[in-house]
C-alpha atoms as a PDB file:
ATOM      1  CA  UNK A   1      -0.080  -0.291   0.063  1.00  0.00           C
ATOM      2  CA  UNK A   2       1.514   3.425  -1.264  1.00  0.00           C
ATOM      3  CA  UNK A   3       1.789   5.582   1.257  1.00  0.00           C
ATOM      4  CA  UNK A   4      -0.468   8.072   0.022  1.00  0.00           C
ATOM      5  CA  UNK A   5      -3.067   5.414  -0.327  1.00  0.00           C
ATOM      6  CA  UNK A   6      -3.385   4.734   3.052  1.00  0.00           C
ATOM      7  CA  UNK A   7      -3.283   8.306   3.924  1.00  0.00           C
ATOM      8  CA  UNK A   8      -6.233   8.850   1.356  1.00  0.00           C
ATOM      9  CA  UNK A   9      -8.504   6.168   2.928  1.00  0.00           C
ATOM     10  CA  UNK A  10      -7.508   7.655   6.531  1.00  0.00           C
ATOM     11  CA  UNK A  11      -8.352  10.975   5.179  1.00  0.00           C
ATOM     12  CA  UNK A  12     -11.548  10.079   4.087  1.00  0.00           C
ATOM     13  CA  UNK A  13     -12.488   7.857   6.725  1.00  0.00           C
ATOM     14  CA  UNK A  14     -11.294  11.069   9.782  1.00  0.00           C
ATOM     15  CA  UNK A  15     -13.632  13.320   7.271  1.00  0.00           C
ATOM     16  CA  UNK A  16     -16.368  10.823   8.255  1.00  0.00           C
ATOM     17  CA  UNK A  17     -15.665  11.051  11.959  1.00  0.00           C
ATOM     18  CA  UNK A  18     -13.594   8.147  12.298  1.00  0.00           C
ATOM     19  CA  UNK A  19     -10.552   8.110  15.352  1.00  0.00           C
ATOM     20  CA  UNK A  20      -8.776   5.376  15.799  1.00  0.00           C
ATOM     21  CA  UNK A  21      -9.803   3.819  19.263  1.00  0.00           C
ATOM     22  CA  UNK A  22     -10.069   0.889  21.180  1.00  0.00           C
ATOM     23  CA  UNK A  23     -13.924   0.267  21.075  1.00  0.00           C
ATOM     24  CA  UNK A  24     -13.868  -0.272  17.646  1.00  0.00           C
ATOM     25  CA  UNK A  25     -11.641  -3.540  18.268  1.00  0.00           C
ATOM     26  CA  UNK A  26     -13.248  -4.760  21.541  1.00  0.00           C
ATOM     27  CA  UNK A  27     -16.931  -3.968  20.007  1.00  0.00           C
ATOM     28  CA  UNK A  28     -16.725  -4.822  15.810  1.00  0.00           C
ATOM     29  CA  UNK A  29     -20.470  -3.727  15.872  1.00  0.00           C
ATOM     30  CA  UNK A  30     -19.084  -0.083  16.218  1.00  0.00           C
ATOM     31  CA  UNK A  31     -16.115  -0.083  13.958  1.00  0.00           C
ATOM     32  CA  UNK A  32     -15.867   1.813  10.582  1.00  0.00           C
ATOM     33  CA  UNK A  33     -16.010  -0.016   7.896  1.00  0.00           C
ATOM     34  CA  UNK A  34     -13.565  -0.544   4.483  1.00  0.00           C
ATOM     35  CA  UNK A  35     -15.215  -1.443   1.486  1.00  0.00           C
ATOM     36  CA  UNK A  36     -12.909  -2.488  -0.712  1.00  0.00           C
ATOM     37  CA  UNK A  37     -14.045  -5.009  -4.066  1.00  0.00           C
ATOM     38  CA  UNK A  38     -17.373  -5.989  -2.102  1.00  0.00           C
ATOM     39  CA  UNK A  39     -15.668  -6.907   1.011  1.00  0.00           C
ATOM     40  CA  UNK A  40     -15.657  -5.083   4.387  1.00  0.00           C
ATOM     41  CA  UNK A  41     -12.721  -4.890   6.391  1.00  0.00           C
ATOM     42  CA  UNK A  42     -12.373  -3.518  10.031  1.00  0.00           C
ATOM     43  CA  UNK A  43     -10.776   0.099   9.554  1.00  0.00           C
ATOM     44  CA  UNK A  44      -9.248   0.217  12.961  1.00  0.00           C
ATOM     45  CA  UNK A  45      -7.505  -3.210  12.634  1.00  0.00           C
ATOM     46  CA  UNK A  46      -6.173  -2.074   9.441  1.00  0.00           C
ATOM     47  CA  UNK A  47      -5.206   1.044  10.764  1.00  0.00           C
ATOM     48  CA  UNK A  48      -3.274  -0.576  13.622  1.00  0.00           C
ATOM     49  CA  UNK A  49      -1.809  -2.988  11.675  1.00  0.00           C
ATOM     50  CA  UNK A  50      -0.455  -0.551   9.147  1.00  0.00           C
ATOM     51  CA  UNK A  51       0.584   1.379  12.023  1.00  0.00           C
ATOM     52  CA  UNK A  52       2.926  -1.732  13.233  1.00  0.00           C
ATOM     53  CA  UNK A  53       4.395  -2.792  10.286  1.00  0.00           C
ATOM     54  CA  UNK A  54       5.057   0.334   8.557  1.00  0.00           C
ATOM     55  CA  UNK A  55       8.584   1.216   7.957  1.00  0.00           C
ATOM     56  CA  UNK A  56       8.194   4.337   6.110  1.00  0.00           C
ATOM     57  CA  UNK A  57       8.857   2.947   2.679  1.00  0.00           C
ATOM     58  CA  UNK A  58       5.903   1.818   0.154  1.00  0.00           C
ATOM     59  CA  UNK A  59       4.518  -1.403   1.124  1.00  0.00           C
ATOM     60  CA  UNK A  60       2.993  -3.695  -1.251  1.00  0.00           C
ATOM     61  CA  UNK A  61      -0.595  -5.276  -1.168  1.00  0.00           C
ATOM     62  CA  UNK A  62      -2.329  -8.145  -2.535  1.00  0.00           C
ATOM     63  CA  UNK A  63      -5.806  -9.014  -2.707  1.00  0.00           C
ATOM     64  CA  UNK A  64      -7.553 -11.874  -4.750  1.00  0.00           C
ATOM     65  CA  UNK A  65     -10.131 -11.317  -6.395  1.00  0.00           C
ATOM     66  CA  UNK A  66     -13.096 -12.457  -4.331  1.00  0.00           C
ATOM     67  CA  UNK A  67     -15.209 -10.953  -1.121  1.00  0.00           C
ATOM     68  CA  UNK A  68     -13.774 -13.746   1.417  1.00  0.00           C
ATOM     69  CA  UNK A  69     -10.291 -12.987   0.428  1.00  0.00           C
ATOM     70  CA  UNK A  70      -7.689 -11.512   3.192  1.00  0.00           C
ATOM     71  CA  UNK A  71      -5.638  -8.215   2.071  1.00  0.00           C
ATOM     72  CA  UNK A  72      -2.037  -9.144   2.393  1.00  0.00           C
ATOM     73  CA  UNK A  73       0.293  -6.053   3.594  1.00  0.00           C
ATOM     74  CA  UNK A  74       4.104  -6.557   2.960  1.00  0.00           C
ATOM     75  CA  UNK A  75       6.953  -4.177   4.034  1.00  0.00           C
ATOM     76  CA  UNK A  76      10.623  -4.824   4.621  1.00  0.00           C
ATOM     77  CA  UNK A  77       9.364  -5.070   8.194  1.00  0.00           C
ATOM     78  CA  UNK A  78       6.412  -7.980   8.448  1.00  0.00           C
ATOM     79  CA  UNK A  79       3.733  -9.413   5.671  1.00  0.00           C
ATOM     80  CA  UNK A  80       0.247  -9.614   8.056  1.00  0.00           C
ATOM     81  CA  UNK A  81      -3.189 -10.425   6.595  1.00  0.00           C
ATOM     82  CA  UNK A  82      -6.308  -8.735   7.796  1.00  0.00           C
ATOM     83  CA  UNK A  83      -9.618 -10.714   7.236  1.00  0.00           C
ATOM     84  CA  UNK A  84     -12.833  -9.788   6.228  1.00  0.00           C
ATOM     85  CA  UNK A  85     -15.882  -8.937   8.246  1.00  0.00           C
ATOM     86  CA  UNK A  86     -18.972 -10.617   7.802  1.00  0.00           C
ATOM     87  CA  UNK A  87     -21.609  -7.944   7.378  1.00  0.00           C
ATOM     88  CA  UNK A  88     -25.273  -9.074   7.520  1.00  0.00           C
ATOM     89  CA  UNK A  89     -27.533  -7.390   4.716  1.00  0.00           C
ATOM     90  CA  UNK A  90     -29.495  -5.593   7.746  1.00  0.00           C
ATOM     91  CA  UNK A  91     -26.437  -3.945   9.899  1.00  0.00           C
ATOM     92  CA  UNK A  92     -27.171  -0.465  10.372  1.00  0.00           C
ATOM     93  CA  UNK A  93     -24.015   0.996   9.223  1.00  0.00           C
ATOM     94  CA  UNK A  94     -24.516   0.022   5.648  1.00  0.00           C
ATOM     95  CA  UNK A  95     -25.596   3.147   4.005  1.00  0.00           C
ATOM     96  CA  UNK A  96     -24.185   5.499   6.836  1.00  0.00           C
ATOM     97  CA  UNK A  97     -20.701   7.152   7.097  1.00  0.00           C
ATOM     98  CA  UNK A  98     -19.311   4.374   8.809  1.00  0.00           C
ATOM     99  CA  UNK A  99     -18.779   2.812   5.460  1.00  0.00           C
ATOM    100  CA  UNK A 100     -15.595   4.083   3.346  1.00  0.00           C
ATOM    101  CA  UNK A 101     -15.575   3.129   0.090  1.00  0.00           C
ATOM    102  CA  UNK A 102     -12.189   2.508  -1.701  1.00  0.00           C
ATOM    103  CA  UNK A 103     -12.788   0.944  -4.793  1.00  0.00           C
ATOM    104  CA  UNK A 104      -9.325   2.021  -6.140  1.00  0.00           C
ATOM    105  CA  UNK A 105      -6.556  -0.824  -7.076  1.00  0.00           C
ATOM    106  CA  UNK A 106      -3.796  -1.013  -5.112  1.00  0.00           C
ATOM    107  CA  UNK A 107      -1.019  -1.534  -7.211  1.00  0.00           C
END
């Protein structure tokens, strides 16, 4: 993930009220979600994971097509995977500002 793409995602989320908080991890039903290729990822987990492995250089992102595949982030420090969340069709977050859509290619 290029630094600028990650920063763009966070700026977009912050403009909708996202602030990294422990409650978004301990209670996933409250979390903001990142929508990418018809899959939903917990934005707080993505944010924390990226902060841990960020080495200041461009990271590589892998995502196989399909809504059940994880996002893999690789830097010179570590490799990590973030699994998608199961979001029911009647989830109250759908259609609100807690869903951050990002359909741009990571490549």
